Protein backbone atom coordinates (compact mmCIF):
# COMPACT_ATOMS: atom_id res chain seq x y z
CA UNK A 1 10.63 -2.78 -28.78
CA UNK A 2 10.67 -4.24 -25.24
CA UNK A 3 7.32 -5.97 -24.69
CA UNK A 4 7.87 -6.38 -20.94
CA UNK A 5 8.72 -2.71 -20.48
CA UNK A 6 5.51 -1.80 -22.30
CA UNK A 7 3.31 -3.67 -19.81
CA UNK A 8 1.06 -1.23 -17.97
CA UNK A 9 0.17 -1.07 -14.29
CA UNK A 10 -2.55 0.91 -12.54
CA UNK A 11 -0.76 3.32 -10.20
CA UNK A 12 -2.30 5.57 -7.55
CA UNK A 13 0.82 7.52 -6.70
CA UNK A 14 4.61 7.62 -6.88
CA UNK A 15 6.13 9.07 -3.71
CA UNK A 16 9.72 10.25 -3.60
CA UNK A 17 12.23 10.42 -0.76
CA UNK A 18 10.43 7.85 1.42
CA UNK A 19 12.37 6.80 4.52
CA UNK A 20 10.10 4.11 6.00
CA UNK A 21 9.45 1.79 3.04
CA UNK A 22 12.70 -0.15 3.19
CA UNK A 23 16.37 0.75 3.67
CA UNK A 24 17.80 4.07 2.57
CA UNK A 25 15.94 6.61 0.47
CA UNK A 26 13.12 5.01 -1.52
CA UNK A 27 10.83 5.88 -4.40
CA UNK A 28 7.58 4.14 -3.50
CA UNK A 29 5.17 3.09 -6.24
CA UNK A 30 1.63 2.54 -4.98
CA UNK A 31 -0.36 0.10 -7.12
CA UNK A 32 -4.14 -0.19 -7.19
CA UNK A 33 -6.07 -3.27 -6.11
CA UNK A 34 -6.06 -5.32 -2.91
CA UNK A 35 -7.80 -8.59 -1.92
CA UNK A 36 -8.09 -7.57 1.75
CA UNK A 37 -10.52 -5.12 3.31
CA UNK A 38 -8.76 -4.11 6.50
CA UNK A 39 -10.93 -2.10 8.89
CA UNK A 40 -7.93 0.19 9.54
CA UNK A 41 -6.70 0.50 5.94
CA UNK A 42 -4.38 3.52 5.64
CA UNK A 43 -4.68 3.66 1.84
CA UNK A 44 -8.39 3.05 1.03
CA UNK A 45 -7.93 4.56 -2.43
CA UNK A 46 -5.76 1.57 -3.34
CA UNK A 47 -8.34 -1.12 -2.51
CA UNK A 48 -10.36 -1.05 -5.73
CA UNK A 49 -8.50 -1.90 -8.95
CA UNK A 50 -10.66 0.62 -10.83
CA UNK A 51 -10.08 4.33 -11.43
CA UNK A 52 -11.76 6.49 -8.81
CA UNK A 53 -12.47 10.19 -8.35
CA UNK A 54 -11.15 11.78 -5.15
CA UNK A 55 -12.73 14.98 -3.84
CA UNK A 56 -10.78 17.10 -1.34
CA UNK A 57 -13.55 19.38 -0.06
CA UNK A 58 -11.26 21.71 1.88
CA UNK A 59 -9.37 22.55 -1.30
CA UNK A 60 -12.50 23.47 -3.25
CA UNK A 61 -12.67 27.20 -4.04
CA UNK A 62 -16.19 27.05 -5.49
CA UNK A 63 -15.16 28.30 -8.92
CA UNK A 64 -17.58 26.04 -10.76
CA UNK A 65 -15.06 24.86 -13.36
CA UNK A 66 -16.14 21.29 -12.68
CA UNK A 67 -19.60 22.05 -14.12
CA UNK A 68 -17.97 20.82 -17.32
CA UNK A 69 -19.18 17.41 -16.12
CA UNK A 70 -21.61 16.04 -18.71
CA UNK A 71 -23.14 13.38 -16.48
CA UNK A 72 -24.44 15.75 -13.80
CA UNK A 73 -22.32 14.21 -11.06
CA UNK A 74 -21.11 17.55 -9.67
CA UNK A 75 -23.79 18.85 -7.28
CA UNK A 76 -23.75 22.43 -6.02
CA UNK A 77 -25.71 23.79 -3.06
CA UNK A 78 -25.02 24.60 0.55
CA UNK A 79 -22.27 22.01 0.32
CA UNK A 80 -20.44 20.61 -2.67
CA UNK A 81 -20.59 16.88 -3.26
CA UNK A 82 -20.35 14.28 -6.00
CA UNK A 83 -23.21 12.04 -7.05
CA UNK A 84 -21.15 8.85 -7.26
CA UNK A 85 -23.98 6.99 -9.02
CA UNK A 86 -23.75 9.41 -11.94
CA UNK A 87 -19.97 9.80 -12.04
CA UNK A 88 -18.32 7.96 -14.95
CA UNK A 89 -14.78 8.77 -13.73
CA UNK A 90 -14.00 10.36 -17.08
CA UNK A 91 -11.60 12.75 -15.34
CA UNK A 92 -12.67 15.92 -17.15
CA UNK A 93 -13.51 17.72 -13.89
CA UNK A 94 -10.11 16.84 -12.43
CA UNK A 95 -8.40 18.12 -15.57
CA UNK A 96 -9.93 21.59 -15.21
CA UNK A 97 -9.95 21.98 -11.40
CA UNK A 98 -7.50 24.83 -10.63
CA UNK A 99 -7.25 23.94 -6.93
CA UNK A 100 -6.63 20.20 -7.37
CA UNK A 101 -9.71 19.54 -5.24
CA UNK A 102 -10.67 16.83 -7.73
CA UNK A 103 -8.14 14.16 -8.58
CA UNK A 104 -8.20 10.80 -10.32
CA UNK A 105 -6.79 7.86 -8.39
CA UNK A 106 -5.53 5.22 -10.78
CA UNK A 107 -3.39 6.06 -13.79
CA UNK A 108 -2.16 3.52 -16.32
CA UNK A 109 1.62 3.69 -16.56
CA UNK A 110 4.05 1.50 -18.47
CA UNK A 111 6.84 -0.33 -16.68
CA UNK A 112 9.42 1.74 -18.54
CA UNK A 113 7.74 5.01 -17.58
CA UNK A 114 7.62 4.04 -13.90
CA UNK A 115 11.28 3.04 -14.00
CA UNK A 116 12.12 6.33 -15.72
CA UNK A 117 10.46 8.18 -12.82
CA UNK A 118 12.47 6.16 -10.31
CA UNK A 119 15.68 6.85 -12.23
CA UNK A 120 15.27 10.57 -11.52
CA UNK A 121 16.09 9.88 -7.86
CA UNK A 122 19.02 7.54 -8.45
CA UNK A 123 21.50 10.08 -7.04
CA UNK A 124 19.77 9.87 -3.64
CA UNK A 125 19.60 6.08 -3.32
CA UNK A 126 23.21 5.41 -2.38
CA UNK A 127 24.04 1.76 -1.66
CA UNK A 128 20.85 0.90 0.24
CA UNK A 129 17.98 2.84 -1.38
CA UNK A 130 15.89 2.11 -4.42
CA UNK A 131 12.33 1.37 -5.51
CA UNK A 132 9.62 -0.02 -3.24
CA UNK A 133 6.45 -1.39 -4.83
CA UNK A 134 3.50 -1.04 -2.48
CA UNK A 135 -0.25 -0.68 -2.68
CA UNK A 136 -2.83 -1.98 -2.36
CA UNK A 137 -1.28 -5.34 -2.96
CA UNK A 138 1.50 -5.42 -5.58
CA UNK A 139 0.77 -9.06 -6.46
CA UNK A 140 -2.77 -8.01 -7.41
CA UNK A 141 -1.09 -7.00 -10.70
CA UNK A 142 1.44 -9.87 -10.81
CA UNK A 143 2.55 -9.74 -14.42
CA UNK A 144 3.22 -6.02 -14.27
CA UNK A 145 4.89 -6.29 -10.86
CA UNK A 146 7.39 -8.88 -12.04
CA UNK A 147 8.07 -6.90 -15.22
CA UNK A 148 8.71 -3.77 -13.14
CA UNK A 149 11.06 -5.61 -10.76
CA UNK A 150 12.95 -7.02 -13.74
CA UNK A 151 13.24 -3.58 -15.35
CA UNK A 152 14.56 -2.09 -12.09
CA UNK A 153 17.08 -4.92 -11.84
CA UNK A 154 18.21 -4.28 -15.40
CA UNK A 155 18.80 -0.61 -14.55
CA UNK A 156 20.66 -1.41 -11.33
CA UNK A 157 17.95 -0.05 -9.04
CA UNK A 158 17.37 -1.63 -5.63
CA UNK A 159 13.98 -3.31 -5.20
CA UNK A 160 11.57 -3.97 -2.35
CA UNK A 161 8.00 -5.27 -2.31
CA UNK A 162 5.55 -4.31 0.46
CA UNK A 163 2.96 -7.11 0.50
CA UNK A 164 -0.04 -8.18 2.55
CA UNK A 165 0.90 -11.75 1.64
CA UNK A 166 -2.50 -12.71 0.23
CA UNK A 167 -1.70 -13.73 -3.35
CA UNK A 168 -1.16 -16.67 -5.70
CA UNK A 169 2.11 -18.33 -4.55
CA UNK A 170 2.94 -19.43 -8.10
CA UNK A 171 4.43 -15.96 -8.73
CA UNK A 172 7.02 -16.19 -5.96
CA UNK A 173 9.71 -18.14 -7.89
CA UNK A 174 9.83 -15.30 -10.43
CA UNK A 175 9.55 -12.46 -7.92
CA UNK A 176 12.02 -13.54 -5.22
CA UNK A 177 15.22 -13.41 -7.33
CA UNK A 178 14.25 -9.90 -8.49
CA UNK A 179 13.51 -8.50 -5.01
CA UNK A 180 16.12 -7.33 -2.51
CA UNK A 181 13.66 -7.15 0.38
CA UNK A 182 10.10 -8.22 1.11
CA UNK A 183 8.21 -6.05 3.60
CA UNK A 184 5.73 -8.70 4.71
CA UNK A 185 2.61 -7.70 6.64
CA UNK A 186 1.50 -9.76 9.63
CA UNK A 187 -1.71 -8.02 10.64
CA UNK A 188 -2.82 -10.44 13.36
CA UNK A 189 -1.77 -13.90 14.53
CA UNK A 190 -5.25 -14.66 15.86
CA UNK A 191 -7.11 -16.34 12.93
CA UNK A 192 -10.60 -15.30 14.03
CA UNK A 193 -9.64 -11.66 14.55
CA UNK A 194 -7.74 -11.64 11.26
CA UNK A 195 -10.84 -12.83 9.41
CA UNK A 196 -13.08 -10.35 11.25
CA UNK A 197 -10.95 -7.27 10.58
CA UNK A 198 -9.46 -8.03 7.15
CA UNK A 199 -12.08 -10.26 5.56
CA UNK A 200 -9.62 -13.09 4.91
CA UNK A 201 -8.18 -16.12 6.67
CA UNK A 202 -4.44 -15.73 7.42
CA UNK A 203 -3.55 -19.24 6.24
CA UNK A 204 -2.51 -18.24 2.72
CA UNK A 205 -0.48 -15.32 4.08
CA UNK A 206 1.56 -17.54 6.39
CA UNK A 207 1.97 -20.12 3.62
CA UNK A 208 3.37 -17.46 1.28
CA UNK A 209 5.64 -16.06 3.98
CA UNK A 210 7.35 -19.41 4.51
CA UNK A 211 7.40 -20.14 0.77
CA UNK A 212 9.27 -16.87 0.18
CA UNK A 213 11.64 -17.72 3.03
CA UNK A 214 12.42 -21.15 1.54
CA UNK A 215 13.21 -19.48 -1.78
CA UNK A 216 15.82 -17.34 -0.03
CA UNK A 217 13.88 -14.08 0.18
CA UNK A 218 15.17 -11.43 2.55
CA UNK A 219 12.20 -10.50 4.73
CA UNK A 220 11.24 -7.81 7.19
CA UNK A 221 7.91 -8.26 8.99
CA UNK A 222 5.55 -5.28 9.24
CA UNK A 223 2.91 -5.29 11.97
CA UNK A 224 0.09 -2.78 12.24
CA UNK A 225 -0.68 -2.10 15.90
CA UNK A 226 -4.35 -1.35 16.60
CA UNK A 227 -5.20 -0.56 20.20
CA UNK A 228 -7.79 -2.93 21.65
CA UNK A 229 -7.65 -5.20 18.61
CA UNK A 230 -4.20 -6.81 18.45
CA UNK A 231 -2.44 -5.17 21.41
CA UNK A 232 -2.18 -8.38 23.43
CA UNK A 233 0.82 -10.38 24.61
CA UNK A 234 -0.26 -13.51 22.73
CA UNK A 235 -0.09 -11.65 19.42
CA UNK A 236 3.28 -10.08 20.24
CA UNK A 237 4.70 -13.50 21.14
CA UNK A 238 3.19 -15.04 18.01
CA UNK A 239 4.95 -12.51 15.79
CA UNK A 240 8.21 -13.10 17.67
CA UNK A 241 7.93 -16.86 17.06
CA UNK A 242 7.30 -16.35 13.36
CA UNK A 243 10.26 -13.98 13.04
CA UNK A 244 12.56 -16.41 14.88
CA UNK A 245 11.48 -19.31 12.66
CA UNK A 246 12.47 -17.56 9.42
CA UNK A 247 15.92 -18.06 7.92
CA UNK A 248 16.25 -14.57 6.46
CA UNK A 249 14.28 -12.19 8.71
CA UNK A 250 15.81 -8.72 9.18
CA UNK A 251 13.48 -7.85 12.06
CA UNK A 252 9.99 -6.55 12.80
CA UNK A 253 8.60 -3.07 12.19
CA UNK A 254 5.69 -1.98 14.39
CA UNK A 255 3.36 0.48 12.65
CA UNK A 256 0.93 2.29 14.98
CA UNK A 257 -2.57 2.88 13.61
CA UNK A 258 -3.40 6.49 12.81
CA UNK A 259 -6.90 7.90 12.30
CA UNK A 260 -6.04 9.82 9.12
CA UNK A 261 -7.07 6.69 7.26
CA UNK A 262 -10.69 7.54 8.02
CA UNK A 263 -10.28 11.03 6.60
CA UNK A 264 -8.89 9.56 3.38
CA UNK A 265 -12.04 7.45 3.04
CA UNK A 266 -14.13 10.63 2.85
CA UNK A 267 -12.23 11.68 -0.27
CA UNK A 268 -13.83 8.65 -1.94
CA UNK A 269 -17.30 9.62 -0.73
CA UNK A 270 -17.23 7.04 2.07
CA UNK A 271 -17.95 7.65 5.77
CA UNK A 272 -15.06 8.71 8.01
CA UNK A 273 -14.29 5.44 9.79
CA UNK A 274 -11.23 6.68 11.66
CA UNK A 275 -11.25 5.57 15.29
CA UNK A 276 -9.13 7.53 17.76
CA UNK A 277 -9.50 4.77 20.35
CA UNK A 278 -7.51 2.52 18.01
CA UNK A 279 -4.41 4.72 18.32
CA UNK A 280 -1.96 2.96 20.68
CA UNK A 281 0.01 4.95 23.24
CA UNK A 282 3.81 5.14 23.19
CA UNK A 283 4.28 2.58 25.97
CA UNK A 284 2.16 0.03 24.11
CA UNK A 285 4.11 0.59 20.89
CA UNK A 286 7.42 0.34 22.72
CA UNK A 287 6.53 -2.96 24.41
CA UNK A 288 5.14 -4.47 21.20
CA UNK A 289 8.34 -3.53 19.37
CA UNK A 290 10.56 -5.12 22.03
CA UNK A 291 8.59 -8.36 22.35
CA UNK A 292 8.09 -8.85 18.61
CA UNK A 293 11.82 -8.39 18.03
CA UNK A 294 12.69 -10.92 20.74
CA UNK A 295 14.20 -8.36 23.12
CA UNK A 296 11.83 -9.11 26.01
């Protein structure tokens, strides 16, 4: 019996054949739970560490199978909706929904089972690909994260961790030797804006970034670009300075905001907070990419 491999993590999704979550072809494991509350969050279903019920209204065929609900959370009328106050997230409605309009976000999976899923794609990884652990924030489940990285290492699978950087730094000495690449988010270099739009001060994030660098971590910075929020030259230059100051930085990825995040919030019963004015144009993205990577 391998106790570490039996550790369970709460997973929202395992995506295969990902091309933008690290080098090569990746299998990306999305974990649940995040300490930040970014206004532009692209994966709102990963914020809460708890199981949640997702309702995709456009998929609903009105068959009524979900009336199996014993708590009265499924409400029928001119429009279908879920009474979230009554829902116990038991999952029975999702189990019987023939159209997959109802789905549970947050399944408990053992480290060994996750690694087994990743193994199925080994033939596609080549020399560069492997497993990327994302979220949410992977370090929100630190014990399971480190166990998963160790299991992947044992099986010869490449590893990457996509992190917001807001976590207890005491886990870095264990995580760094097990991780081929850290995809490290720098959401904003302006402290006041960072606090306003994410709910947290960036100090701990920067501290962890440099701590990982001192431990020899290979790092690639990831920068969300939100038009009218962090699309200023001072921020671009700030990211460039951080990248240049690291010993092991592979470069900077610029990730343009997209409004689909707001649509995803509605699946959780939340208002659509997508903002089209936050989508940057191609010229803005191009300039940010050049400046942040020290090419301008």
